[in-house]
Amino acid sequence: MGYLIKVKEEDSNNQEPKEITPKNGKNFKLNELYEMLECKMIEIVSLNACQIMIIDEEGKMNNSPYNDMATYYFRKAHPQNHDFIVGNALVCSSNDVE
C-alpha cells in the first residue's frame, strides 16, 4: 500500500494523497510505477527508516509541474534540504517495491 500524490490540477485546490495498493496486492512493479508516475525513469528518495518517495528521475529536465504536497513531505523529512519535487510521487514502504 502507498499514497499517490498527484500534481495539483489548475482548476482544483485539493491535492490529497490517494491511498493505492499494488495491482498484484503485494508490491509495486517497475512498469506499474512508470505508468502511475507518468515517467520513463524513477528515483527513490528516502524519507525516513520506514518510508520512501518514488519520483520521476527526469521530471525537472522535462519541466514537469511542481508538486506542492510531495515537496512538503520531502522537506519535512529533510528540513536542511531546500530541493523540490515535480511530477507525481508515490510514498510507500521500501518493502512495497520490487
Protein backbone atom coordinates (compact mmCIF):
# COMPACT_ATOMS: atom_id res chain seq x y z
CA MET A 1 0.00 0.00 0.00
CA GLY A 2 1.14 3.53 -0.68
CA TYR A 3 -0.04 7.08 -1.21
CA LEU A 4 -0.04 8.61 -4.67
CA ILE A 5 0.47 12.36 -4.60
CA LYS A 6 -0.57 13.71 -7.98
CA VAL A 7 0.31 17.17 -9.19
CA LYS A 8 -2.42 19.65 -8.31
CA GLU A 9 -4.62 20.37 -11.28
CA GLU A 10 -5.06 24.03 -12.21
CA ASP A 11 -8.81 24.07 -11.59
CA SER A 12 -8.60 22.36 -8.17
CA ASN A 13 -7.40 23.40 -4.73
CA ASN A 14 -7.41 19.80 -3.50
CA GLN A 15 -4.25 17.71 -3.60
CA GLU A 16 -5.00 14.97 -1.08
CA PRO A 17 -2.78 11.88 -1.32
CA LYS A 18 -4.72 8.91 -2.69
CA GLU A 19 -4.28 5.55 -0.98
CA ILE A 20 -3.41 2.88 -3.53
CA THR A 21 -2.44 -0.78 -3.49
CA PRO A 22 -0.21 -2.64 -5.95
CA LYS A 23 -2.01 -4.38 -8.79
CA ASN A 24 -0.79 -7.77 -7.55
CA GLY A 25 -1.72 -6.94 -3.94
CA LYS A 26 1.88 -7.37 -2.71
CA ASN A 27 4.35 -4.88 -4.18
CA PHE A 28 4.64 -2.27 -6.89
CA LYS A 29 6.39 -3.41 -10.07
CA LEU A 30 8.58 -1.15 -12.18
CA ASN A 31 6.16 -0.91 -15.12
CA GLU A 32 3.36 -0.06 -12.71
CA LEU A 33 5.47 2.76 -11.24
CA TYR A 34 6.25 4.15 -14.71
CA GLU A 35 2.55 4.23 -15.54
CA MET A 36 1.48 5.70 -12.19
CA LEU A 37 4.15 8.41 -12.16
CA GLU A 38 3.90 9.03 -15.92
CA CYS A 39 7.65 8.68 -16.41
CA LYS A 40 10.37 6.53 -18.00
CA MET A 41 12.89 6.54 -15.15
CA ILE A 42 12.28 6.54 -11.40
CA GLU A 43 14.27 7.87 -8.47
CA ILE A 44 13.86 6.57 -4.93
CA VAL A 45 14.22 9.14 -2.17
CA SER A 46 14.45 8.06 1.48
CA LEU A 47 12.06 9.91 3.79
CA ASN A 48 12.87 8.00 6.98
CA ALA A 49 13.81 4.50 8.14
CA CYS A 50 10.42 3.15 7.04
CA GLN A 51 9.24 5.26 4.11
CA ILE A 52 10.47 6.18 0.65
CA MET A 53 9.20 8.53 -2.02
CA ILE A 54 9.36 7.43 -5.64
CA ILE A 55 9.53 10.24 -8.19
CA ASP A 56 10.35 10.87 -11.85
CA GLU A 57 14.16 10.95 -12.19
CA GLU A 58 13.87 13.20 -15.26
CA GLY A 59 10.99 15.38 -14.03
CA LYS A 60 12.98 18.59 -13.71
CA MET A 61 14.68 18.08 -17.08
CA ASN A 62 11.25 17.58 -18.66
CA ASN A 63 9.79 20.66 -16.93
CA SER A 64 7.17 18.64 -15.06
CA PRO A 65 4.86 20.71 -12.85
CA TYR A 66 5.78 21.50 -9.24
CA ASN A 67 4.20 19.14 -6.69
CA ASP A 68 3.32 21.14 -3.54
CA MET A 69 2.30 18.24 -1.33
CA ALA A 70 5.20 15.94 -2.28
CA THR A 71 7.63 18.83 -1.70
CA TYR A 72 6.06 19.39 1.73
CA TYR A 73 6.64 15.73 2.72
CA PHE A 74 10.17 15.78 1.32
CA ARG A 75 11.15 18.95 3.19
CA LYS A 76 9.51 17.70 6.38
CA ALA A 77 11.78 14.64 6.21
CA HIS A 78 14.83 16.69 5.14
CA PRO A 79 14.45 20.19 6.68
CA GLN A 80 18.00 21.17 5.75
CA ASN A 81 17.35 20.45 2.06
CA HIS A 82 15.55 23.11 0.01
CA ASP A 83 15.12 20.97 -3.11
CA PHE A 84 11.63 20.43 -4.53
CA ILE A 85 9.59 17.66 -6.14
CA VAL A 86 7.99 17.83 -9.58
CA GLY A 87 5.53 15.44 -11.17
CA ASN A 88 3.55 12.72 -9.46
CA ALA A 89 5.05 10.96 -6.43
CA LEU A 90 4.42 7.75 -4.53
CA VAL A 91 5.09 7.46 -0.80
CA CYS A 92 5.33 3.89 0.49
CA SER A 93 7.44 1.45 2.46
CA SER A 94 10.61 0.23 0.80
CA ASN A 95 9.16 -3.29 1.23
CA ASP A 96 6.29 -2.32 -1.09
CA VAL A 97 8.54 -2.06 -4.16
CA GLU A 98 10.08 -4.93 -6.08
